[in-house]
Amino acid sequence: MRGNTQVSSEVKAITSPEQSAQTVRHLVTIRIVGTALFDYQVRKTTDARIRLESLATMAQAQGDLTDDEALVVAQVLANPTNSIQQLQGRNHV
């Protein structure tokens, strides 16, 4: 949104405190869910998966995660991964 009042020669954006708080909340949500997503992809443990599922579900229920962002999480969770323990247990030739 652009304001009509010009203090300088530039037109400056005007953001309400509510919009700013909502943006900050969304960015914090992305950071938390993103960290859980990264942790799940690296560790591939049941605990990491449960944490990711729980955080994504709560964030979406509160409206802090967009449908597109929730879809990314769902796609990652839909692809079964081998745990590190299973990979380490294999004999490689």
PDB file of N, CA and C in Angstrom:
ATOM      1  N   MET A   1       0.849  -1.153   0.000  1.00  0.00           N
ATOM      2  CA  MET A   1       0.000   0.000   0.000  1.00  0.00           C
ATOM      3  C   MET A   1       0.906   1.230   0.000  1.00  0.00           C
ATOM      4  N   ARG A   2       0.578   2.218  -0.782  1.00  0.00           N
ATOM      5  CA  ARG A   2       1.393   3.424  -0.859  1.00  0.00           C
ATOM      6  C   ARG A   2       0.633   4.600  -0.262  1.00  0.00           C
ATOM      7  N   GLY A   3       1.374   5.418   0.427  1.00  0.00           N
ATOM      8  CA  GLY A   3       0.775   6.602   1.016  1.00  0.00           C
ATOM      9  C   GLY A   3       0.892   7.783   0.069  1.00  0.00           C
ATOM     10  N   ASN A   4      -0.003   8.738   0.226  1.00  0.00           N
ATOM     11  CA  ASN A   4       0.014   9.917  -0.620  1.00  0.00           C
ATOM     12  C   ASN A   4       0.884  11.027  -0.056  1.00  0.00           C
ATOM     13  N   THR A   5       1.188  10.952   1.233  1.00  0.00           N
ATOM     14  CA  THR A   5       1.990  11.978   1.865  1.00  0.00           C
ATOM     15  C   THR A   5       3.459  11.733   1.547  1.00  0.00           C
ATOM     16  N   GLN A   6       4.108  12.767   1.036  1.00  0.00           N
ATOM     17  CA  GLN A   6       5.524  12.635   0.699  1.00  0.00           C
ATOM     18  C   GLN A   6       6.331  13.585   1.568  1.00  0.00           C
ATOM     19  N   VAL A   7       7.235  13.002   2.341  1.00  0.00           N
ATOM     20  CA  VAL A   7       8.127  13.814   3.149  1.00  0.00           C
ATOM     21  C   VAL A   7       9.361  14.141   2.321  1.00  0.00           C
ATOM     22  N   SER A   8       9.735  13.190   1.489  1.00  0.00           N
ATOM     23  CA  SER A   8      10.857  13.409   0.583  1.00  0.00           C
ATOM     24  C   SER A   8      10.347  13.236  -0.837  1.00  0.00           C
ATOM     25  N   SER A   9      11.267  13.076  -1.773  1.00  0.00           N
ATOM     26  CA  SER A   9      10.848  12.906  -3.163  1.00  0.00           C
ATOM     27  C   SER A   9      10.374  11.490  -3.450  1.00  0.00           C
ATOM     28  N   GLU A  10      10.530  10.558  -2.492  1.00  0.00           N
ATOM     29  CA  GLU A  10      10.099   9.165  -2.679  1.00  0.00           C
ATOM     30  C   GLU A  10       8.705   8.932  -2.112  1.00  0.00           C
ATOM     31  N   VAL A  11       7.969   8.027  -2.751  1.00  0.00           N
ATOM     32  CA  VAL A  11       6.701   7.568  -2.195  1.00  0.00           C
ATOM     33  C   VAL A  11       7.034   6.404  -1.282  1.00  0.00           C
ATOM     34  N   LYS A  12       6.573   6.443  -0.056  1.00  0.00           N
ATOM     35  CA  LYS A  12       6.912   5.413   0.925  1.00  0.00           C
ATOM     36  C   LYS A  12       5.701   4.540   1.229  1.00  0.00           C
ATOM     37  N   ALA A  13       5.981   3.267   1.495  1.00  0.00           N
ATOM     38  CA  ALA A  13       4.925   2.326   1.858  1.00  0.00           C
ATOM     39  C   ALA A  13       4.479   2.588   3.288  1.00  0.00           C
ATOM     40  N   ILE A  14       3.209   2.397   3.512  1.00  0.00           N
ATOM     41  CA  ILE A  14       2.656   2.551   4.857  1.00  0.00           C
ATOM     42  C   ILE A  14       2.121   1.180   5.280  1.00  0.00           C
ATOM     43  N   THR A  15       2.622   0.696   6.397  1.00  0.00           N
ATOM     44  CA  THR A  15       2.194  -0.601   6.914  1.00  0.00           C
ATOM     45  C   THR A  15       1.593  -0.393   8.291  1.00  0.00           C
ATOM     46  N   SER A  16       0.419  -0.945   8.494  1.00  0.00           N
ATOM     47  CA  SER A  16      -0.232  -0.803   9.793  1.00  0.00           C
ATOM     48  C   SER A  16       0.462  -1.712  10.811  1.00  0.00           C
ATOM     49  N   PRO A  17       0.348  -1.397  12.087  1.00  0.00           N
ATOM     50  CA  PRO A  17       0.941  -2.255  13.120  1.00  0.00           C
ATOM     51  C   PRO A  17       0.401  -3.687  13.066  1.00  0.00           C
ATOM     52  N   GLU A  18      -0.881  -3.841  12.696  1.00  0.00           N
ATOM     53  CA  GLU A  18      -1.464  -5.180  12.611  1.00  0.00           C
ATOM     54  C   GLU A  18      -0.806  -5.989  11.494  1.00  0.00           C
ATOM     55  N   GLN A  19      -0.590  -5.349  10.347  1.00  0.00           N
ATOM     56  CA  GLN A  19       0.064  -6.034   9.228  1.00  0.00           C
ATOM     57  C   GLN A  19       1.492  -6.406   9.595  1.00  0.00           C
ATOM     58  N   SER A  20       2.159  -5.512  10.281  1.00  0.00           N
ATOM     59  CA  SER A  20       3.544  -5.754  10.679  1.00  0.00           C
ATOM     60  C   SER A  20       3.621  -6.930  11.656  1.00  0.00           C
ATOM     61  N   ALA A  21       2.730  -6.966  12.629  1.00  0.00           N
ATOM     62  CA  ALA A  21       2.716  -8.059  13.604  1.00  0.00           C
ATOM     63  C   ALA A  21       2.395  -9.385  12.928  1.00  0.00           C
ATOM     64  N   GLN A  22       1.465  -9.356  11.971  1.00  0.00           N
ATOM     65  CA  GLN A  22       1.103 -10.574  11.250  1.00  0.00           C
ATOM     66  C   GLN A  22       2.281 -11.068  10.410  1.00  0.00           C
ATOM     67  N   THR A  23       3.004 -10.169   9.790  1.00  0.00           N
ATOM     68  CA  THR A  23       4.177 -10.536   8.995  1.00  0.00           C
ATOM     69  C   THR A  23       5.254 -11.150   9.871  1.00  0.00           C
ATOM     70  N   VAL A  24       5.496 -10.539  11.011  1.00  0.00           N
ATOM     71  CA  VAL A  24       6.495 -11.067  11.941  1.00  0.00           C
ATOM     72  C   VAL A  24       6.086 -12.457  12.424  1.00  0.00           C
ATOM     73  N   ARG A  25       4.815 -12.617  12.749  1.00  0.00           N
ATOM     74  CA  ARG A  25       4.320 -13.920  13.223  1.00  0.00           C
ATOM     75  C   ARG A  25       4.494 -14.985  12.137  1.00  0.00           C
ATOM     76  N   HIS A  26       4.204 -14.625  10.883  1.00  0.00           N
ATOM     77  CA  HIS A  26       4.357 -15.567   9.770  1.00  0.00           C
ATOM     78  C   HIS A  26       5.825 -15.950   9.588  1.00  0.00           C
ATOM     79  N   LEU A  27       6.710 -14.983   9.676  1.00  0.00           N
ATOM     80  CA  LEU A  27       8.142 -15.274   9.524  1.00  0.00           C
ATOM     81  C   LEU A  27       8.668 -16.157  10.653  1.00  0.00           C
ATOM     82  N   VAL A  28       8.193 -15.935  11.857  1.00  0.00           N
ATOM     83  CA  VAL A  28       8.592 -16.779  12.983  1.00  0.00           C
ATOM     84  C   VAL A  28       8.073 -18.202  12.770  1.00  0.00           C
ATOM     85  N   THR A  29       6.845 -18.318  12.288  1.00  0.00           N
ATOM     86  CA  THR A  29       6.277 -19.640  11.993  1.00  0.00           C
ATOM     87  C   THR A  29       7.105 -20.360  10.939  1.00  0.00           C
ATOM     88  N   ILE A  30       7.472 -19.652   9.874  1.00  0.00           N
ATOM     89  CA  ILE A  30       8.287 -20.252   8.817  1.00  0.00           C
ATOM     90  C   ILE A  30       9.624 -20.719   9.383  1.00  0.00           C
ATOM     91  N   ARG A  31      10.200 -19.917  10.259  1.00  0.00           N
ATOM     92  CA  ARG A  31      11.478 -20.297  10.869  1.00  0.00           C
ATOM     93  C   ARG A  31      11.337 -21.581  11.695  1.00  0.00           C
ATOM     94  N   ILE A  32      10.294 -21.661  12.502  1.00  0.00           N
ATOM     95  CA  ILE A  32      10.103 -22.819  13.379  1.00  0.00           C
ATOM     96  C   ILE A  32       9.784 -24.075  12.563  1.00  0.00           C
ATOM     97  N   VAL A  33       8.822 -23.970  11.655  1.00  0.00           N
ATOM     98  CA  VAL A  33       8.446 -25.129  10.836  1.00  0.00           C
ATOM     99  C   VAL A  33       9.600 -25.500   9.897  1.00  0.00           C
ATOM    100  N   GLY A  34      10.271 -24.499   9.360  1.00  0.00           N
ATOM    101  CA  GLY A  34      11.405 -24.761   8.478  1.00  0.00           C
ATOM    102  C   GLY A  34      12.534 -25.485   9.187  1.00  0.00           C
ATOM    103  N   THR A  35      12.796 -25.113  10.414  1.00  0.00           N
ATOM    104  CA  THR A  35      13.823 -25.791  11.206  1.00  0.00           C
ATOM    105  C   THR A  35      13.426 -27.243  11.461  1.00  0.00           C
ATOM    106  N   ALA A  36      12.159 -27.470  11.769  1.00  0.00           N
ATOM    107  CA  ALA A  36      11.673 -28.837  11.987  1.00  0.00           C
ATOM    108  C   ALA A  36      11.742 -29.652  10.692  1.00  0.00           C
ATOM    109  N   LEU A  37      11.442 -29.019   9.573  1.00  0.00           N
ATOM    110  CA  LEU A  37      11.519 -29.677   8.265  1.00  0.00           C
ATOM    111  C   LEU A  37      12.959 -30.082   7.954  1.00  0.00           C
ATOM    112  N   PHE A  38      13.878 -29.177   8.180  1.00  0.00           N
ATOM    113  CA  PHE A  38      15.296 -29.449   7.965  1.00  0.00           C
ATOM    114  C   PHE A  38      15.760 -30.582   8.876  1.00  0.00           C
ATOM    115  N   ASP A  39      15.378 -30.510  10.149  1.00  0.00           N
ATOM    116  CA  ASP A  39      15.755 -31.533  11.116  1.00  0.00           C
ATOM    117  C   ASP A  39      15.244 -32.905  10.681  1.00  0.00           C
ATOM    118  N   TYR A  40      14.014 -32.957  10.212  1.00  0.00           N
ATOM    119  CA  TYR A  40      13.439 -34.224   9.753  1.00  0.00           C
ATOM    120  C   TYR A  40      14.198 -34.770   8.548  1.00  0.00           C
ATOM    121  N   GLN A  41      14.533 -33.899   7.611  1.00  0.00           N
ATOM    122  CA  GLN A  41      15.228 -34.358   6.416  1.00  0.00           C
ATOM    123  C   GLN A  41      16.654 -34.816   6.720  1.00  0.00           C
ATOM    124  N   VAL A  42      17.277 -34.229   7.722  1.00  0.00           N
ATOM    125  CA  VAL A  42      18.647 -34.611   8.074  1.00  0.00           C
ATOM    126  C   VAL A  42      18.665 -35.844   8.963  1.00  0.00           C
ATOM    127  N   ARG A  43      17.874 -35.834  10.013  1.00  0.00           N
ATOM    128  CA  ARG A  43      17.912 -36.924  10.997  1.00  0.00           C
ATOM    129  C   ARG A  43      17.086 -38.146  10.599  1.00  0.00           C
ATOM    130  N   LYS A  44      15.973 -37.900   9.945  1.00  0.00           N
ATOM    131  CA  LYS A  44      15.080 -38.977   9.494  1.00  0.00           C
ATOM    132  C   LYS A  44      14.628 -39.890  10.642  1.00  0.00           C
ATOM    133  N   THR A  45      14.337 -39.281  11.788  1.00  0.00           N
ATOM    134  CA  THR A  45      13.877 -40.057  12.934  1.00  0.00           C
ATOM    135  C   THR A  45      12.372 -39.892  13.108  1.00  0.00           C
ATOM    136  N   THR A  46      11.794 -40.804  13.841  1.00  0.00           N
ATOM    137  CA  THR A  46      10.361 -40.737  14.140  1.00  0.00           C
ATOM    138  C   THR A  46      10.047 -39.493  14.962  1.00  0.00           C
ATOM    139  N   ASP A  47      10.915 -39.183  15.924  1.00  0.00           N
ATOM    140  CA  ASP A  47      10.692 -37.995  16.753  1.00  0.00           C
ATOM    141  C   ASP A  47      10.691 -36.715  15.916  1.00  0.00           C
ATOM    142  N   ALA A  48      11.618 -36.610  14.968  1.00  0.00           N
ATOM    143  CA  ALA A  48      11.683 -35.427  14.109  1.00  0.00           C
ATOM    144  C   ALA A  48      10.440 -35.330  13.230  1.00  0.00           C
ATOM    145  N   ARG A  49       9.950 -36.473  12.769  1.00  0.00           N
ATOM    146  CA  ARG A  49       8.741 -36.491  11.940  1.00  0.00           C
ATOM    147  C   ARG A  49       7.525 -36.032  12.749  1.00  0.00           C
ATOM    148  N   ILE A  50       7.386 -36.550  13.950  1.00  0.00           N
ATOM    149  CA  ILE A  50       6.261 -36.188  14.811  1.00  0.00           C
ATOM    150  C   ILE A  50       6.306 -34.697  15.136  1.00  0.00           C
ATOM    151  N   ARG A  51       7.498 -34.187  15.418  1.00  0.00           N
ATOM    152  CA  ARG A  51       7.644 -32.757  15.723  1.00  0.00           C
ATOM    153  C   ARG A  51       7.212 -31.916  14.521  1.00  0.00           C
ATOM    154  N   LEU A  52       7.667 -32.286  13.325  1.00  0.00           N
ATOM    155  CA  LEU A  52       7.301 -31.555  12.113  1.00  0.00           C
ATOM    156  C   LEU A  52       5.790 -31.605  11.892  1.00  0.00           C
ATOM    157  N   GLU A  53       5.204 -32.786  12.004  1.00  0.00           N
ATOM    158  CA  GLU A  53       3.760 -32.925  11.809  1.00  0.00           C
ATOM    159  C   GLU A  53       2.991 -32.057  12.810  1.00  0.00           C
ATOM    160  N   SER A  54       3.400 -32.098  14.065  1.00  0.00           N
ATOM    161  CA  SER A  54       2.710 -31.338  15.117  1.00  0.00           C
ATOM    162  C   SER A  54       2.811 -29.842  14.891  1.00  0.00           C
ATOM    163  N   LEU A  55       4.019 -29.361  14.607  1.00  0.00           N
ATOM    164  CA  LEU A  55       4.201 -27.928  14.384  1.00  0.00           C
ATOM    165  C   LEU A  55       3.433 -27.441  13.159  1.00  0.00           C
ATOM    166  N   ALA A  56       3.495 -28.200  12.083  1.00  0.00           N
ATOM    167  CA  ALA A  56       2.795 -27.797  10.852  1.00  0.00           C
ATOM    168  C   ALA A  56       1.286 -27.792  11.065  1.00  0.00           C
ATOM    169  N   THR A  57       0.773 -28.781  11.771  1.00  0.00           N
ATOM    170  CA  THR A  57      -0.660 -28.862  12.041  1.00  0.00           C
ATOM    171  C   THR A  57      -1.129 -27.684  12.889  1.00  0.00           C
ATOM    172  N   MET A  58      -0.374 -27.378  13.943  1.00  0.00           N
ATOM    173  CA  MET A  58      -0.737 -26.245  14.809  1.00  0.00           C
ATOM    174  C   MET A  58      -0.661 -24.928  14.045  1.00  0.00           C
ATOM    175  N   ALA A  59       0.403 -24.747  13.273  1.00  0.00           N
ATOM    176  CA  ALA A  59       0.576 -23.492  12.530  1.00  0.00           C
ATOM    177  C   ALA A  59      -0.528 -23.295  11.503  1.00  0.00           C
ATOM    178  N   GLN A  60      -0.913 -24.370  10.838  1.00  0.00           N
ATOM    179  CA  GLN A  60      -1.981 -24.253   9.843  1.00  0.00           C
ATOM    180  C   GLN A  60      -3.329 -23.995  10.521  1.00  0.00           C
ATOM    181  N   ALA A  61      -3.568 -24.652  11.635  1.00  0.00           N
ATOM    182  CA  ALA A  61      -4.829 -24.452  12.362  1.00  0.00           C
ATOM    183  C   ALA A  61      -4.965 -23.013  12.856  1.00  0.00           C
ATOM    184  N   GLN A  62      -3.857 -22.379  13.195  1.00  0.00           N
ATOM    185  CA  GLN A  62      -3.880 -20.998  13.674  1.00  0.00           C
ATOM    186  C   GLN A  62      -3.833 -19.985  12.537  1.00  0.00           C
ATOM    187  N   GLY A  63      -3.703 -20.484  11.313  1.00  0.00           N
ATOM    188  CA  GLY A  63      -3.671 -19.589  10.162  1.00  0.00           C
ATOM    189  C   GLY A  63      -2.319 -18.964   9.899  1.00  0.00           C
ATOM    190  N   ASP A  64      -1.280 -19.503  10.503  1.00  0.00           N
ATOM    191  CA  ASP A  64       0.064 -18.955  10.342  1.00  0.00           C
ATOM    192  C   ASP A  64       0.857 -19.621   9.226  1.00  0.00           C
ATOM    193  N   LEU A  65       0.308 -20.676   8.652  1.00  0.00           N
ATOM    194  CA  LEU A  65       0.965 -21.404   7.571  1.00  0.00           C
ATOM    195  C   LEU A  65       0.018 -21.386   6.372  1.00  0.00           C
ATOM    196  N   THR A  66       0.507 -20.928   5.239  1.00  0.00           N
ATOM    197  CA  THR A  66      -0.357 -20.862   4.058  1.00  0.00           C
ATOM    198  C   THR A  66      -0.598 -22.270   3.517  1.00  0.00           C
ATOM    199  N   ASP A  67      -1.574 -22.390   2.645  1.00  0.00           N
ATOM    200  CA  ASP A  67      -1.864 -23.687   2.028  1.00  0.00           C
ATOM    201  C   ASP A  67      -0.664 -24.196   1.229  1.00  0.00           C
ATOM    202  N   ASP A  68       0.018 -23.304   0.523  1.00  0.00           N
ATOM    203  CA  ASP A  68       1.191 -23.706  -0.253  1.00  0.00           C
ATOM    204  C   ASP A  68       2.309 -24.205   0.652  1.00  0.00           C
ATOM    205  N   GLU A  69       2.510 -23.537   1.775  1.00  0.00           N
ATOM    206  CA  GLU A  69       3.553 -23.952   2.721  1.00  0.00           C
ATOM    207  C   GLU A  69       3.203 -25.300   3.354  1.00  0.00           C
ATOM    208  N   ALA A  70       1.933 -25.479   3.685  1.00  0.00           N
ATOM    209  CA  ALA A  70       1.491 -26.760   4.246  1.00  0.00           C
ATOM    210  C   ALA A  70       1.637 -27.876   3.215  1.00  0.00           C
ATOM    211  N   LEU A  71       1.427 -27.559   1.953  1.00  0.00           N
ATOM    212  CA  LEU A  71       1.593 -28.546   0.886  1.00  0.00           C
ATOM    213  C   LEU A  71       3.041 -29.018   0.792  1.00  0.00           C
ATOM    214  N   VAL A  72       3.990 -28.111   0.944  1.00  0.00           N
ATOM    215  CA  VAL A  72       5.407 -28.480   0.923  1.00  0.00           C
ATOM    216  C   VAL A  72       5.708 -29.469   2.053  1.00  0.00           C
ATOM    217  N   VAL A  73       5.212 -29.156   3.243  1.00  0.00           N
ATOM    218  CA  VAL A  73       5.422 -30.059   4.387  1.00  0.00           C
ATOM    219  C   VAL A  73       4.771 -31.414   4.115  1.00  0.00           C
ATOM    220  N   ALA A  74       3.563 -31.407   3.593  1.00  0.00           N
ATOM    221  CA  ALA A  74       2.851 -32.659   3.297  1.00  0.00           C
ATOM    222  C   ALA A  74       3.611 -33.496   2.266  1.00  0.00           C
ATOM    223  N   GLN A  75       4.182 -32.851   1.268  1.00  0.00           N
ATOM    224  CA  GLN A  75       4.944 -33.583   0.244  1.00  0.00           C
ATOM    225  C   GLN A  75       6.194 -34.218   0.837  1.00  0.00           C
ATOM    226  N   VAL A  76       6.862 -33.502   1.718  1.00  0.00           N
ATOM    227  CA  VAL A  76       8.052 -34.070   2.369  1.00  0.00           C
ATOM    228  C   VAL A  76       7.651 -35.255   3.235  1.00  0.00           C
ATOM    229  N   LEU A  77       6.558 -35.110   3.973  1.00  0.00           N
ATOM    230  CA  LEU A  77       6.115 -36.202   4.847  1.00  0.00           C
ATOM    231  C   LEU A  77       5.572 -37.393   4.054  1.00  0.00           C
ATOM    232  N   ALA A  78       5.082 -37.148   2.841  1.00  0.00           N
ATOM    233  CA  ALA A  78       4.520 -38.228   2.024  1.00  0.00           C
ATOM    234  C   ALA A  78       5.597 -39.141   1.457  1.00  0.00           C
ATOM    235  N   ASN A  79       6.798 -38.636   1.335  1.00  0.00           N
ATOM    236  CA  ASN A  79       7.896 -39.457   0.819  1.00  0.00           C
ATOM    237  C   ASN A  79       8.549 -40.202   1.965  1.00  0.00           C
ATOM    238  N   PRO A  80       8.369 -41.516   2.007  1.00  0.00           N
ATOM    239  CA  PRO A  80       8.987 -42.273   3.096  1.00  0.00           C
ATOM    240  C   PRO A  80      10.514 -42.185   2.984  1.00  0.00           C
ATOM    241  N   THR A  81      11.141 -42.051   4.126  1.00  0.00           N
ATOM    242  CA  THR A  81      12.598 -41.971   4.145  1.00  0.00           C
ATOM    243  C   THR A  81      13.164 -43.110   4.974  1.00  0.00           C
ATOM    244  N   ASN A  82      14.334 -43.512   4.630  1.00  0.00           N
ATOM    245  CA  ASN A  82      15.021 -44.525   5.427  1.00  0.00           C
ATOM    246  C   ASN A  82      15.703 -43.827   6.594  1.00  0.00           C
ATOM    247  N   SER A  83      15.642 -44.446   7.746  1.00  0.00           N
ATOM    248  CA  SER A  83      16.315 -43.858   8.893  1.00  0.00           C
ATOM    249  C   SER A  83      17.818 -44.054   8.743  1.00  0.00           C
ATOM    250  N   ILE A  84      18.559 -43.228   9.412  1.00  0.00           N
ATOM    251  CA  ILE A  84      20.018 -43.324   9.357  1.00  0.00           C
ATOM    252  C   ILE A  84      20.465 -44.667   9.901  1.00  0.00           C
ATOM    253  N   GLN A  85      19.773 -45.162  10.932  1.00  0.00           N
ATOM    254  CA  GLN A  85      20.146 -46.456  11.499  1.00  0.00           C
ATOM    255  C   GLN A  85      19.990 -47.566  10.459  1.00  0.00           C
ATOM    256  N   GLN A  86      18.940 -47.511   9.658  1.00  0.00           N
ATOM    257  CA  GLN A  86      18.738 -48.523   8.616  1.00  0.00           C
ATOM    258  C   GLN A  86      19.825 -48.414   7.556  1.00  0.00           C
ATOM    259  N   LEU A  87      20.187 -47.188   7.193  1.00  0.00           N
ATOM    260  CA  LEU A  87      21.216 -47.004   6.181  1.00  0.00           C
ATOM    261  C   LEU A  87      22.566 -47.472   6.684  1.00  0.00           C
ATOM    262  N   GLN A  88      22.873 -47.228   7.955  1.00  0.00           N
ATOM    263  CA  GLN A  88      24.148 -47.642   8.508  1.00  0.00           C
ATOM    264  C   GLN A  88      24.215 -49.159   8.682  1.00  0.00           C
ATOM    265  N   GLY A  89      23.061 -49.800   8.829  1.00  0.00           N
ATOM    266  CA  GLY A  89      23.022 -51.243   9.008  1.00  0.00           C
ATOM    267  C   GLY A  89      23.257 -52.030   7.749  1.00  0.00           C
ATOM    268  N   ARG A  90      23.177 -51.406   6.609  1.00  0.00           N
ATOM    269  CA  ARG A  90      23.374 -52.091   5.327  1.00  0.00           C
ATOM    270  C   ARG A  90      24.857 -52.344   5.086  1.00  0.00           C
ATOM    271  N   ASN A  91      25.128 -53.477   4.467  1.00  0.00           N
ATOM    272  CA  ASN A  91      26.505 -53.771   4.063  1.00  0.00           C
ATOM    273  C   ASN A  91      26.700 -53.271   2.651  1.00  0.00           C
ATOM    274  N   HIS A  92      27.620 -52.342   2.498  1.00  0.00           N
ATOM    275  CA  HIS A  92      27.903 -51.803   1.161  1.00  0.00           C
ATOM    276  C   HIS A  92      29.102 -52.518   0.577  1.00  0.00           C
ATOM    277  N   VAL A  93      29.012 -52.850  -0.710  1.00  0.00           N
ATOM    278  CA  VAL A  93      30.104 -53.551  -1.382  1.00  0.00           C
ATOM    279  C   VAL A  93      30.932 -52.556  -2.139  1.00  0.00           C
TER     280      VAL A  93
END
